[in-house]
PDB file of N, CA and C in Angstrom:
ATOM      1  N   UNK A   1     -10.037 -10.575 -71.640  1.00  0.00           N
ATOM      2  CA  UNK A   1     -10.983  -9.550 -71.198  1.00  0.00           C
ATOM      3  C   UNK A   1     -11.502  -8.808 -72.372  1.00  0.00           C
ATOM      4  N   UNK A   2     -12.701  -8.430 -72.293  1.00  0.00           N
ATOM      5  CA  UNK A   2     -13.310  -7.643 -73.351  1.00  0.00           C
ATOM      6  C   UNK A   2     -12.983  -6.161 -73.164  1.00  0.00           C
ATOM      7  N   UNK A   3     -13.183  -5.424 -74.226  1.00  0.00           N
ATOM      8  CA  UNK A   3     -12.933  -3.969 -74.157  1.00  0.00           C
ATOM      9  C   UNK A   3     -13.886  -3.297 -73.227  1.00  0.00           C
ATOM     10  N   UNK A   4     -15.136  -3.744 -73.166  1.00  0.00           N
ATOM     11  CA  UNK A   4     -16.118  -3.147 -72.261  1.00  0.00           C
ATOM     12  C   UNK A   4     -15.696  -3.337 -70.803  1.00  0.00           C
ATOM     13  N   UNK A   5     -15.214  -4.492 -70.483  1.00  0.00           N
ATOM     14  CA  UNK A   5     -14.791  -4.779 -69.104  1.00  0.00           C
ATOM     15  C   UNK A   5     -13.600  -3.939 -68.748  1.00  0.00           C
ATOM     16  N   UNK A   6     -12.677  -3.762 -69.660  1.00  0.00           N
ATOM     17  CA  UNK A   6     -11.505  -2.911 -69.376  1.00  0.00           C
ATOM     18  C   UNK A   6     -11.935  -1.457 -69.198  1.00  0.00           C
ATOM     19  N   UNK A   7     -12.909  -1.004 -69.966  1.00  0.00           N
ATOM     20  CA  UNK A   7     -13.432   0.369 -69.825  1.00  0.00           C
ATOM     21  C   UNK A   7     -14.078   0.564 -68.482  1.00  0.00           C
ATOM     22  N   UNK A   8     -14.865  -0.419 -68.022  1.00  0.00           N
ATOM     23  CA  UNK A   8     -15.528  -0.342 -66.721  1.00  0.00           C
ATOM     24  C   UNK A   8     -14.506  -0.301 -65.601  1.00  0.00           C
ATOM     25  N   UNK A   9     -13.467  -1.149 -65.744  1.00  0.00           N
ATOM     26  CA  UNK A   9     -12.412  -1.161 -64.717  1.00  0.00           C
ATOM     27  C   UNK A   9     -11.707   0.180 -64.675  1.00  0.00           C
ATOM     28  N   UNK A  10     -11.416   0.758 -65.822  1.00  0.00           N
ATOM     29  CA  UNK A  10     -10.730   2.072 -65.883  1.00  0.00           C
ATOM     30  C   UNK A  10     -11.594   3.140 -65.255  1.00  0.00           C
ATOM     31  N   UNK A  11     -12.896   3.104 -65.484  1.00  0.00           N
ATOM     32  CA  UNK A  11     -13.806   4.098 -64.865  1.00  0.00           C
ATOM     33  C   UNK A  11     -13.840   3.933 -63.379  1.00  0.00           C
ATOM     34  N   UNK A  12     -13.929   2.707 -62.891  1.00  0.00           N
ATOM     35  CA  UNK A  12     -13.942   2.473 -61.424  1.00  0.00           C
ATOM     36  C   UNK A  12     -12.628   2.944 -60.805  1.00  0.00           C
ATOM     37  N   UNK A  13     -11.525   2.663 -61.447  1.00  0.00           N
ATOM     38  CA  UNK A  13     -10.230   3.097 -60.908  1.00  0.00           C
ATOM     39  C   UNK A  13     -10.141   4.622 -60.897  1.00  0.00           C
ATOM     40  N   UNK A  14     -10.557   5.293 -61.961  1.00  0.00           N
ATOM     41  CA  UNK A  14     -10.521   6.760 -62.016  1.00  0.00           C
ATOM     42  C   UNK A  14     -11.386   7.388 -60.924  1.00  0.00           C
ATOM     43  N   UNK A  15     -12.613   6.857 -60.758  1.00  0.00           N
ATOM     44  CA  UNK A  15     -13.493   7.394 -59.729  1.00  0.00           C
ATOM     45  C   UNK A  15     -12.913   7.143 -58.338  1.00  0.00           C
ATOM     46  N   UNK A  16     -12.346   5.954 -58.133  1.00  0.00           N
ATOM     47  CA  UNK A  16     -11.747   5.619 -56.831  1.00  0.00           C
ATOM     48  C   UNK A  16     -10.602   6.552 -56.526  1.00  0.00           C
ATOM     49  N   UNK A  17      -9.750   6.820 -57.515  1.00  0.00           N
ATOM     50  CA  UNK A  17      -8.628   7.722 -57.296  1.00  0.00           C
ATOM     51  C   UNK A  17      -9.097   9.133 -56.979  1.00  0.00           C
ATOM     52  N   UNK A  18     -10.143   9.598 -57.676  1.00  0.00           N
ATOM     53  CA  UNK A  18     -10.702  10.938 -57.375  1.00  0.00           C
ATOM     54  C   UNK A  18     -11.235  10.988 -55.952  1.00  0.00           C
ATOM     55  N   UNK A  19     -11.958   9.992 -55.533  1.00  0.00           N
ATOM     56  CA  UNK A  19     -12.511   9.977 -54.156  1.00  0.00           C
ATOM     57  C   UNK A  19     -11.381   9.936 -53.121  1.00  0.00           C
ATOM     58  N   UNK A  20     -10.376   9.103 -53.366  1.00  0.00           N
ATOM     59  CA  UNK A  20      -9.237   9.020 -52.446  1.00  0.00           C
ATOM     60  C   UNK A  20      -8.512  10.366 -52.375  1.00  0.00           C
ATOM     61  N   UNK A  21      -8.308  10.976 -53.560  1.00  0.00           N
ATOM     62  CA  UNK A  21      -7.675  12.304 -53.624  1.00  0.00           C
ATOM     63  C   UNK A  21      -8.462  13.359 -52.871  1.00  0.00           C
ATOM     64  N   UNK A  22      -9.796  13.312 -53.015  1.00  0.00           N
ATOM     65  CA  UNK A  22     -10.644  14.284 -52.293  1.00  0.00           C
ATOM     66  C   UNK A  22     -10.535  14.112 -50.797  1.00  0.00           C
ATOM     67  N   UNK A  23     -10.629  12.860 -50.304  1.00  0.00           N
ATOM     68  CA  UNK A  23     -10.568  12.662 -48.870  1.00  0.00           C
ATOM     69  C   UNK A  23      -9.183  12.972 -48.312  1.00  0.00           C
ATOM     70  N   UNK A  24      -8.118  12.704 -49.081  1.00  0.00           N
ATOM     71  CA  UNK A  24      -6.789  13.079 -48.615  1.00  0.00           C
ATOM     72  C   UNK A  24      -6.643  14.592 -48.595  1.00  0.00           C
ATOM     73  N   UNK A  25      -7.306  15.324 -49.502  1.00  0.00           N
ATOM     74  CA  UNK A  25      -7.185  16.771 -49.523  1.00  0.00           C
ATOM     75  C   UNK A  25      -7.847  17.417 -48.310  1.00  0.00           C
ATOM     76  N   UNK A  26      -8.698  16.696 -47.637  1.00  0.00           N
ATOM     77  CA  UNK A  26      -9.291  17.221 -46.385  1.00  0.00           C
ATOM     78  C   UNK A  26      -8.256  17.262 -45.282  1.00  0.00           C
ATOM     79  N   UNK A  27      -7.304  16.346 -45.304  1.00  0.00           N
ATOM     80  CA  UNK A  27      -6.278  16.277 -44.251  1.00  0.00           C
ATOM     81  C   UNK A  27      -5.055  17.140 -44.541  1.00  0.00           C
ATOM     82  N   UNK A  28      -4.946  17.614 -45.780  1.00  0.00           N
ATOM     83  CA  UNK A  28      -3.816  18.487 -46.144  1.00  0.00           C
ATOM     84  C   UNK A  28      -4.343  19.941 -46.106  1.00  0.00           C
ATOM     85  N   UNK A  29      -3.724  20.767 -45.284  1.00  0.00           N
ATOM     86  CA  UNK A  29      -4.130  22.129 -45.164  1.00  0.00           C
ATOM     87  C   UNK A  29      -2.995  23.064 -45.603  1.00  0.00           C
ATOM     88  N   UNK A  30      -3.393  24.212 -46.096  1.00  0.00           N
ATOM     89  CA  UNK A  30      -2.442  25.242 -46.523  1.00  0.00           C
ATOM     90  C   UNK A  30      -2.824  26.563 -45.851  1.00  0.00           C
ATOM     91  N   UNK A  31      -1.807  27.355 -45.558  1.00  0.00           N
ATOM     92  CA  UNK A  31      -2.068  28.705 -45.027  1.00  0.00           C
ATOM     93  C   UNK A  31      -2.160  29.660 -46.215  1.00  0.00           C
ATOM     94  N   UNK A  32      -3.188  30.442 -46.206  1.00  0.00           N
ATOM     95  CA  UNK A  32      -3.363  31.456 -47.243  1.00  0.00           C
ATOM     96  C   UNK A  32      -2.291  32.528 -47.065  1.00  0.00           C
ATOM     97  N   UNK A  33      -1.672  32.910 -48.158  1.00  0.00           N
ATOM     98  CA  UNK A  33      -0.669  33.960 -48.105  1.00  0.00           C
ATOM     99  C   UNK A  33      -1.267  35.313 -48.468  1.00  0.00           C
ATOM    100  N   UNK A  34      -0.741  36.350 -47.870  1.00  0.00           N
ATOM    101  CA  UNK A  34      -1.218  37.699 -48.176  1.00  0.00           C
ATOM    102  C   UNK A  34      -0.847  38.033 -49.649  1.00  0.00           C
ATOM    103  N   UNK A  35      -1.828  38.476 -50.439  1.00  0.00           N
ATOM    104  CA  UNK A  35      -1.510  38.776 -51.839  1.00  0.00           C
ATOM    105  C   UNK A  35      -0.676  40.034 -51.975  1.00  0.00           C
ATOM    106  N   UNK A  36       0.075  40.127 -53.064  1.00  0.00           N
ATOM    107  CA  UNK A  36       0.947  41.289 -53.302  1.00  0.00           C
ATOM    108  C   UNK A  36       0.167  42.585 -53.518  1.00  0.00           C
ATOM    109  N   UNK A  37      -1.102  42.474 -53.903  1.00  0.00           N
ATOM    110  CA  UNK A  37      -1.908  43.677 -54.137  1.00  0.00           C
ATOM    111  C   UNK A  37      -2.671  44.107 -52.899  1.00  0.00           C
ATOM    112  N   UNK A  38      -2.422  43.476 -51.743  1.00  0.00           N
ATOM    113  CA  UNK A  38      -3.091  43.878 -50.508  1.00  0.00           C
ATOM    114  C   UNK A  38      -2.568  45.264 -50.079  1.00  0.00           C
ATOM    115  N   UNK A  39      -3.477  46.101 -49.629  1.00  0.00           N
ATOM    116  CA  UNK A  39      -3.088  47.450 -49.219  1.00  0.00           C
ATOM    117  C   UNK A  39      -2.583  47.417 -47.778  1.00  0.00           C
ATOM    118  N   UNK A  40      -1.423  47.979 -47.560  1.00  0.00           N
ATOM    119  CA  UNK A  40      -0.811  48.077 -46.226  1.00  0.00           C
ATOM    120  C   UNK A  40      -0.486  49.540 -45.930  1.00  0.00           C
ATOM    121  N   UNK A  41      -0.237  49.788 -44.649  1.00  0.00           N
ATOM    122  CA  UNK A  41       0.146  51.141 -44.206  1.00  0.00           C
ATOM    123  C   UNK A  41       1.628  51.091 -43.937  1.00  0.00           C
ATOM    124  N   UNK A  42       2.378  52.059 -44.507  1.00  0.00           N
ATOM    125  CA  UNK A  42       3.822  52.113 -44.297  1.00  0.00           C
ATOM    126  C   UNK A  42       4.187  53.340 -43.498  1.00  0.00           C
ATOM    127  N   UNK A  43       5.201  53.211 -42.681  1.00  0.00           N
ATOM    128  CA  UNK A  43       5.726  54.359 -41.944  1.00  0.00           C
ATOM    129  C   UNK A  43       7.173  54.524 -42.332  1.00  0.00           C
ATOM    130  N   UNK A  44       7.468  55.673 -42.898  1.00  0.00           N
ATOM    131  CA  UNK A  44       8.823  55.907 -43.429  1.00  0.00           C
ATOM    132  C   UNK A  44       9.872  56.111 -42.316  1.00  0.00           C
ATOM    133  N   UNK A  45       9.451  56.531 -41.144  1.00  0.00           N
ATOM    134  CA  UNK A  45      10.428  56.800 -40.066  1.00  0.00           C
ATOM    135  C   UNK A  45      11.139  55.501 -39.638  1.00  0.00           C
ATOM    136  N   UNK A  46      10.393  54.371 -39.591  1.00  0.00           N
ATOM    137  CA  UNK A  46      10.994  53.126 -39.122  1.00  0.00           C
ATOM    138  C   UNK A  46      11.072  52.080 -40.231  1.00  0.00           C
ATOM    139  N   UNK A  47      10.677  52.447 -41.462  1.00  0.00           N
ATOM    140  CA  UNK A  47      10.718  51.561 -42.621  1.00  0.00           C
ATOM    141  C   UNK A  47       9.954  50.249 -42.409  1.00  0.00           C
ATOM    142  N   UNK A  48       8.747  50.358 -41.829  1.00  0.00           N
ATOM    143  CA  UNK A  48       7.910  49.187 -41.553  1.00  0.00           C
ATOM    144  C   UNK A  48       6.577  49.323 -42.260  1.00  0.00           C
ATOM    145  N   UNK A  49       5.981  48.145 -42.563  1.00  0.00           N
ATOM    146  CA  UNK A  49       4.600  48.159 -43.045  1.00  0.00           C
ATOM    147  C   UNK A  49       3.715  47.471 -42.046  1.00  0.00           C
ATOM    148  N   UNK A  50       2.453  47.943 -42.012  1.00  0.00           N
ATOM    149  CA  UNK A  50       1.479  47.500 -41.020  1.00  0.00           C
ATOM    150  C   UNK A  50       0.190  47.073 -41.727  1.00  0.00           C
ATOM    151  N   UNK A  51      -0.578  46.267 -41.028  1.00  0.00           N
ATOM    152  CA  UNK A  51      -1.921  45.927 -41.525  1.00  0.00           C
ATOM    153  C   UNK A  51      -2.753  47.211 -41.490  1.00  0.00           C
ATOM    154  N   UNK A  52      -3.799  47.268 -42.296  1.00  0.00           N
ATOM    155  CA  UNK A  52      -4.679  48.423 -42.236  1.00  0.00           C
ATOM    156  C   UNK A  52      -5.487  48.428 -40.932  1.00  0.00           C
ATOM    157  N   UNK A  53      -5.401  47.351 -40.193  1.00  0.00           N
ATOM    158  CA  UNK A  53      -6.066  47.258 -38.900  1.00  0.00           C
ATOM    159  C   UNK A  53      -5.026  47.350 -37.763  1.00  0.00           C
ATOM    160  N   UNK A  54      -4.089  48.271 -37.920  1.00  0.00           N
ATOM    161  CA  UNK A  54      -2.968  48.420 -37.013  1.00  0.00           C
ATOM    162  C   UNK A  54      -3.481  48.997 -35.672  1.00  0.00           C
ATOM    163  N   UNK A  55      -2.636  48.801 -34.653  1.00  0.00           N
ATOM    164  CA  UNK A  55      -2.864  49.472 -33.366  1.00  0.00           C
ATOM    165  C   UNK A  55      -2.367  50.884 -33.505  1.00  0.00           C
ATOM    166  N   UNK A  56      -3.053  51.814 -32.884  1.00  0.00           N
ATOM    167  CA  UNK A  56      -2.730  53.230 -33.002  1.00  0.00           C
ATOM    168  C   UNK A  56      -1.307  53.516 -32.543  1.00  0.00           C
ATOM    169  N   UNK A  57      -0.815  52.797 -31.556  1.00  0.00           N
ATOM    170  CA  UNK A  57       0.569  53.068 -31.058  1.00  0.00           C
ATOM    171  C   UNK A  57       1.597  52.761 -32.099  1.00  0.00           C
ATOM    172  N   UNK A  58       1.299  51.953 -33.099  1.00  0.00           N
ATOM    173  CA  UNK A  58       2.283  51.551 -34.116  1.00  0.00           C
ATOM    174  C   UNK A  58       2.600  52.730 -35.061  1.00  0.00           C
ATOM    175  N   UNK A  59       1.659  53.642 -35.269  1.00  0.00           N
ATOM    176  CA  UNK A  59       1.876  54.738 -36.189  1.00  0.00           C
ATOM    177  C   UNK A  59       1.809  56.097 -35.533  1.00  0.00           C
ATOM    178  N   UNK A  60       1.663  56.125 -34.257  1.00  0.00           N
ATOM    179  CA  UNK A  60       1.542  57.376 -33.515  1.00  0.00           C
ATOM    180  C   UNK A  60       2.803  58.216 -33.672  1.00  0.00           C
ATOM    181  N   UNK A  61       2.658  59.456 -34.154  1.00  0.00           N
ATOM    182  CA  UNK A  61       3.760  60.379 -34.311  1.00  0.00           C
ATOM    183  C   UNK A  61       4.624  60.098 -35.562  1.00  0.00           C
ATOM    184  N   UNK A  62       4.141  59.242 -36.454  1.00  0.00           N
ATOM    185  CA  UNK A  62       4.902  58.898 -37.651  1.00  0.00           C
ATOM    186  C   UNK A  62       4.119  59.287 -38.886  1.00  0.00           C
ATOM    187  N   UNK A  63       4.813  59.419 -39.999  1.00  0.00           N
ATOM    188  CA  UNK A  63       4.173  59.703 -41.269  1.00  0.00           C
ATOM    189  C   UNK A  63       3.721  58.392 -41.876  1.00  0.00           C
ATOM    190  N   UNK A  64       2.421  58.224 -42.058  1.00  0.00           N
ATOM    191  CA  UNK A  64       1.877  56.976 -42.584  1.00  0.00           C
ATOM    192  C   UNK A  64       1.233  57.213 -43.927  1.00  0.00           C
ATOM    193  N   UNK A  65       1.425  56.254 -44.838  1.00  0.00           N
ATOM    194  CA  UNK A  65       0.767  56.295 -46.119  1.00  0.00           C
ATOM    195  C   UNK A  65       0.441  54.870 -46.507  1.00  0.00           C
ATOM    196  N   UNK A  66      -0.441  54.704 -47.499  1.00  0.00           N
ATOM    197  CA  UNK A  66      -0.811  53.394 -47.957  1.00  0.00           C
ATOM    198  C   UNK A  66      -0.179  53.070 -49.305  1.00  0.00           C
ATOM    199  N   UNK A  67       0.078  51.812 -49.484  1.00  0.00           N
ATOM    200  CA  UNK A  67       0.565  51.276 -50.764  1.00  0.00           C
ATOM    201  C   UNK A  67       0.322  49.789 -50.768  1.00  0.00           C
ATOM    202  N   UNK A  68       0.536  49.142 -51.885  1.00  0.00           N
ATOM    203  CA  UNK A  68       0.352  47.689 -51.932  1.00  0.00           C
ATOM    204  C   UNK A  68       1.537  47.012 -51.261  1.00  0.00           C
ATOM    205  N   UNK A  69       1.303  45.793 -50.892  1.00  0.00           N
ATOM    206  CA  UNK A  69       2.345  45.014 -50.197  1.00  0.00           C
ATOM    207  C   UNK A  69       3.563  44.832 -51.110  1.00  0.00           C
ATOM    208  N   UNK A  70       3.352  44.572 -52.392  1.00  0.00           N
ATOM    209  CA  UNK A  70       4.493  44.389 -53.300  1.00  0.00           C
ATOM    210  C   UNK A  70       5.297  45.654 -53.445  1.00  0.00           C
ATOM    211  N   UNK A  71       4.629  46.814 -53.473  1.00  0.00           N
ATOM    212  CA  UNK A  71       5.340  48.091 -53.521  1.00  0.00           C
ATOM    213  C   UNK A  71       6.153  48.309 -52.243  1.00  0.00           C
ATOM    214  N   UNK A  72       5.507  47.992 -51.089  1.00  0.00           N
ATOM    215  CA  UNK A  72       6.210  48.168 -49.810  1.00  0.00           C
ATOM    216  C   UNK A  72       7.432  47.293 -49.726  1.00  0.00           C
ATOM    217  N   UNK A  73       7.332  46.062 -50.123  1.00  0.00           N
ATOM    218  CA  UNK A  73       8.485  45.141 -50.087  1.00  0.00           C
ATOM    219  C   UNK A  73       9.544  45.599 -51.080  1.00  0.00           C
ATOM    220  N   UNK A  74       9.072  46.079 -52.250  1.00  0.00           N
ATOM    221  CA  UNK A  74      10.020  46.563 -53.268  1.00  0.00           C
ATOM    222  C   UNK A  74      10.793  47.784 -52.807  1.00  0.00           C
ATOM    223  N   UNK A  75      10.158  48.593 -51.963  1.00  0.00           N
ATOM    224  CA  UNK A  75      10.814  49.794 -51.413  1.00  0.00           C
ATOM    225  C   UNK A  75      11.601  49.519 -50.147  1.00  0.00           C
ATOM    226  N   UNK A  76      11.710  48.254 -49.731  1.00  0.00           N
ATOM    227  CA  UNK A  76      12.542  47.909 -48.614  1.00  0.00           C
ATOM    228  C   UNK A  76      11.837  47.941 -47.276  1.00  0.00           C
ATOM    229  N   UNK A  77      10.542  48.064 -47.234  1.00  0.00           N
ATOM    230  CA  UNK A  77       9.812  48.055 -45.963  1.00  0.00           C
ATOM    231  C   UNK A  77       9.728  46.633 -45.428  1.00  0.00           C
ATOM    232  N   UNK A  78       9.820  46.493 -44.115  1.00  0.00           N
ATOM    233  CA  UNK A  78       9.738  45.218 -43.422  1.00  0.00           C
ATOM    234  C   UNK A  78       8.413  45.150 -42.630  1.00  0.00           C
ATOM    235  N   UNK A  79       7.903  43.962 -42.379  1.00  0.00           N
ATOM    236  CA  UNK A  79       6.647  43.856 -41.590  1.00  0.00           C
ATOM    237  C   UNK A  79       6.887  44.259 -40.136  1.00  0.00           C
ATOM    238  N   UNK A  80       5.907  44.897 -39.556  1.00  0.00           N
ATOM    239  CA  UNK A  80       5.968  45.307 -38.157  1.00  0.00           C
ATOM    240  C   UNK A  80       5.773  44.064 -37.315  1.00  0.00           C
ATOM    241  N   UNK A  81       6.643  43.832 -36.337  1.00  0.00           N
ATOM    242  CA  UNK A  81       6.621  42.608 -35.527  1.00  0.00           C
ATOM    243  C   UNK A  81       5.305  42.433 -34.759  1.00  0.00           C
ATOM    244  N   UNK A  82       4.757  43.556 -34.256  1.00  0.00           N
ATOM    245  CA  UNK A  82       3.514  43.477 -33.515  1.00  0.00           C
ATOM    246  C   UNK A  82       2.385  42.963 -34.383  1.00  0.00           C
ATOM    247  N   UNK A  83       2.305  43.464 -35.630  1.00  0.00           N
ATOM    248  CA  UNK A  83       1.274  43.015 -36.548  1.00  0.00           C
ATOM    249  C   UNK A  83       1.471  41.555 -36.911  1.00  0.00           C
ATOM    250  N   UNK A  84       2.717  41.127 -37.021  1.00  0.00           N
ATOM    251  CA  UNK A  84       3.007  39.705 -37.330  1.00  0.00           C
ATOM    252  C   UNK A  84       2.584  38.820 -36.181  1.00  0.00           C
ATOM    253  N   UNK A  85       2.891  39.258 -34.932  1.00  0.00           N
ATOM    254  CA  UNK A  85       2.557  38.450 -33.783  1.00  0.00           C
ATOM    255  C   UNK A  85       1.030  38.306 -33.618  1.00  0.00           C
ATOM    256  N   UNK A  86       0.317  39.321 -34.008  1.00  0.00           N
ATOM    257  CA  UNK A  86      -1.150  39.265 -33.928  1.00  0.00           C
ATOM    258  C   UNK A  86      -1.768  38.475 -35.060  1.00  0.00           C
ATOM    259  N   UNK A  87      -0.962  38.060 -36.035  1.00  0.00           N
ATOM    260  CA  UNK A  87      -1.434  37.243 -37.153  1.00  0.00           C
ATOM    261  C   UNK A  87      -2.142  38.003 -38.254  1.00  0.00           C
ATOM    262  N   UNK A  88      -1.885  39.329 -38.300  1.00  0.00           N
ATOM    263  CA  UNK A  88      -2.557  40.146 -39.299  1.00  0.00           C
ATOM    264  C   UNK A  88      -2.182  39.788 -40.727  1.00  0.00           C
ATOM    265  N   UNK A  89      -0.975  39.290 -40.962  1.00  0.00           N
ATOM    266  CA  UNK A  89      -0.511  39.039 -42.292  1.00  0.00           C
ATOM    267  C   UNK A  89      -0.734  37.550 -42.682  1.00  0.00           C
ATOM    268  N   UNK A  90      -1.299  36.770 -41.771  1.00  0.00           N
ATOM    269  CA  UNK A  90      -1.619  35.363 -42.073  1.00  0.00           C
ATOM    270  C   UNK A  90      -3.073  35.296 -42.540  1.00  0.00           C
ATOM    271  N   UNK A  91      -3.273  34.496 -43.555  1.00  0.00           N
ATOM    272  CA  UNK A  91      -4.638  34.291 -44.025  1.00  0.00           C
ATOM    273  C   UNK A  91      -5.270  33.090 -43.317  1.00  0.00           C
ATOM    274  N   UNK A  92      -6.358  32.669 -43.883  1.00  0.00           N
ATOM    275  CA  UNK A  92      -7.065  31.535 -43.302  1.00  0.00           C
ATOM    276  C   UNK A  92      -6.345  30.232 -43.627  1.00  0.00           C
ATOM    277  N   UNK A  93      -6.488  29.259 -42.780  1.00  0.00           N
ATOM    278  CA  UNK A  93      -5.984  27.929 -43.048  1.00  0.00           C
ATOM    279  C   UNK A  93      -7.121  27.204 -43.811  1.00  0.00           C
ATOM    280  N   UNK A  94      -6.730  26.693 -44.968  1.00  0.00           N
ATOM    281  CA  UNK A  94      -7.737  26.045 -45.839  1.00  0.00           C
ATOM    282  C   UNK A  94      -7.333  24.615 -46.185  1.00  0.00           C
ATOM    283  N   UNK A  95      -8.349  23.827 -46.496  1.00  0.00           N
ATOM    284  CA  UNK A  95      -8.114  22.506 -46.988  1.00  0.00           C
ATOM    285  C   UNK A  95      -7.562  22.617 -48.390  1.00  0.00           C
ATOM    286  N   UNK A  96      -6.831  21.611 -48.836  1.00  0.00           N
ATOM    287  CA  UNK A  96      -6.237  21.586 -50.166  1.00  0.00           C
ATOM    288  C   UNK A  96      -7.313  21.755 -51.245  1.00  0.00           C
ATOM    289  N   UNK A  97      -8.462  21.077 -51.071  1.00  0.00           N
ATOM    290  CA  UNK A  97      -9.474  21.195 -52.126  1.00  0.00           C
ATOM    291  C   UNK A  97     -10.046  22.613 -52.185  1.00  0.00           C
ATOM    292  N   UNK A  98     -10.107  23.351 -51.073  1.00  0.00           N
ATOM    293  CA  UNK A  98     -10.516  24.752 -51.082  1.00  0.00           C
ATOM    294  C   UNK A  98      -9.515  25.576 -51.879  1.00  0.00           C
ATOM    295  N   UNK A  99      -8.223  25.292 -51.667  1.00  0.00           N
ATOM    296  CA  UNK A  99      -7.184  26.018 -52.396  1.00  0.00           C
ATOM    297  C   UNK A  99      -7.302  25.767 -53.890  1.00  0.00           C
ATOM    298  N   UNK A 100      -7.523  24.517 -54.289  1.00  0.00           N
ATOM    299  CA  UNK A 100      -7.690  24.192 -55.703  1.00  0.00           C
ATOM    300  C   UNK A 100      -8.914  24.903 -56.272  1.00  0.00           C
ATOM    301  N   UNK A 101     -10.019  24.894 -55.521  1.00  0.00           N
ATOM    302  CA  UNK A 101     -11.236  25.592 -55.966  1.00  0.00           C
ATOM    303  C   UNK A 101     -10.990  27.095 -56.140  1.00  0.00           C
ATOM    304  N   UNK A 102     -10.198  27.700 -55.246  1.00  0.00           N
ATOM    305  CA  UNK A 102      -9.915  29.134 -55.348  1.00  0.00           C
ATOM    306  C   UNK A 102      -9.094  29.421 -56.591  1.00  0.00           C
ATOM    307  N   UNK A 103      -8.176  28.520 -56.928  1.00  0.00           N
ATOM    308  CA  UNK A 103      -7.357  28.702 -58.160  1.00  0.00           C
ATOM    309  C   UNK A 103      -8.191  28.521 -59.433  1.00  0.00           C
ATOM    310  N   UNK A 104      -9.290  27.765 -59.306  1.00  0.00           N
ATOM    311  CA  UNK A 104     -10.179  27.581 -60.461  1.00  0.00           C
ATOM    312  C   UNK A 104     -11.210  28.727 -60.591  1.00  0.00           C
ATOM    313  N   UNK A 105     -11.182  29.671 -59.643  1.00  0.00           N
ATOM    314  CA  UNK A 105     -12.062  30.831 -59.714  1.00  0.00           C
ATOM    315  C   UNK A 105     -13.309  30.763 -58.858  1.00  0.00           C
ATOM    316  N   UNK A 106     -13.471  29.695 -58.088  1.00  0.00           N
ATOM    317  CA  UNK A 106     -14.637  29.585 -57.207  1.00  0.00           C
ATOM    318  C   UNK A 106     -14.385  30.423 -55.948  1.00  0.00           C
ATOM    319  N   UNK A 107     -15.418  31.085 -55.440  1.00  0.00           N
ATOM    320  CA  UNK A 107     -15.238  31.880 -54.207  1.00  0.00           C
ATOM    321  C   UNK A 107     -15.067  30.985 -52.995  1.00  0.00           C
ATOM    322  N   UNK A 108     -14.030  31.255 -52.228  1.00  0.00           N
ATOM    323  CA  UNK A 108     -13.810  30.547 -50.947  1.00  0.00           C
ATOM    324  C   UNK A 108     -13.562  31.595 -49.891  1.00  0.00           C
ATOM    325  N   UNK A 109     -13.669  31.205 -48.642  1.00  0.00           N
ATOM    326  CA  UNK A 109     -13.489  32.111 -47.534  1.00  0.00           C
ATOM    327  C   UNK A 109     -12.037  32.596 -47.502  1.00  0.00           C
ATOM    328  N   UNK A 110     -11.845  33.911 -47.530  1.00  0.00           N
ATOM    329  CA  UNK A 110     -10.498  34.453 -47.580  1.00  0.00           C
ATOM    330  C   UNK A 110     -10.431  35.726 -46.740  1.00  0.00           C
ATOM    331  N   UNK A 111      -9.245  36.105 -46.346  1.00  0.00           N
ATOM    332  CA  UNK A 111      -9.066  37.343 -45.611  1.00  0.00           C
ATOM    333  C   UNK A 111      -8.981  38.539 -46.564  1.00  0.00           C
ATOM    334  N   UNK A 112      -8.662  38.256 -47.832  1.00  0.00           N
ATOM    335  CA  UNK A 112      -8.532  39.341 -48.821  1.00  0.00           C
ATOM    336  C   UNK A 112      -9.374  39.003 -50.039  1.00  0.00           C
ATOM    337  N   UNK A 113      -9.906  40.030 -50.724  1.00  0.00           N
ATOM    338  CA  UNK A 113     -10.598  39.786 -51.957  1.00  0.00           C
ATOM    339  C   UNK A 113      -9.605  39.799 -53.112  1.00  0.00           C
ATOM    340  N   UNK A 114     -10.098  39.599 -54.331  1.00  0.00           N
ATOM    341  CA  UNK A 114      -9.202  39.504 -55.460  1.00  0.00           C
ATOM    342  C   UNK A 114      -8.518  40.827 -55.771  1.00  0.00           C
ATOM    343  N   UNK A 115      -9.063  41.962 -55.253  1.00  0.00           N
ATOM    344  CA  UNK A 115      -8.472  43.257 -55.495  1.00  0.00           C
ATOM    345  C   UNK A 115      -7.515  43.658 -54.373  1.00  0.00           C
ATOM    346  N   UNK A 116      -7.292  42.783 -53.405  1.00  0.00           N
ATOM    347  CA  UNK A 116      -6.352  43.064 -52.309  1.00  0.00           C
ATOM    348  C   UNK A 116      -6.973  43.777 -51.133  1.00  0.00           C
ATOM    349  N   UNK A 117      -8.279  43.943 -51.112  1.00  0.00           N
ATOM    350  CA  UNK A 117      -8.969  44.600 -49.993  1.00  0.00           C
ATOM    351  C   UNK A 117      -9.103  43.609 -48.830  1.00  0.00           C
ATOM    352  N   UNK A 118      -8.904  44.113 -47.630  1.00  0.00           N
ATOM    353  CA  UNK A 118      -9.011  43.272 -46.433  1.00  0.00           C
ATOM    354  C   UNK A 118     -10.500  43.037 -46.142  1.00  0.00           C
ATOM    355  N   UNK A 119     -10.824  41.774 -45.846  1.00  0.00           N
ATOM    356  CA  UNK A 119     -12.210  41.388 -45.584  1.00  0.00           C
ATOM    357  C   UNK A 119     -12.371  41.002 -44.104  1.00  0.00           C
ATOM    358  N   UNK A 120     -12.253  41.942 -43.212  1.00  0.00           N
ATOM    359  CA  UNK A 120     -12.353  41.622 -41.811  1.00  0.00           C
ATOM    360  C   UNK A 120     -13.721  41.862 -41.338  1.00  0.00           C
TER     361      UNK A 120
END
């Protein structure tokens, strides 16, 4: 075999692997995780953190303040079960290639922006 033929074969194999990888990434999905810099509402009376879109009954009669999720977890706050059941702390389900694009800095549909603000 000539060197040119080997080069052509290598290019065809590389392109084929990229295409196969792309189509497989459509079938692999990942759940977006809430970032540590997302702002949450904490209630010190019950040591729970809530989504900023909480139901009023969750914080009624309690002292509420805001902090980042990583601060809340670091201070021992636990997620409120009602907010978890409503899916407030779950992000979007994305294809693997969307996840890779987001890691490369391309904008993709997300529940939170890069500063931790909720995008509802």
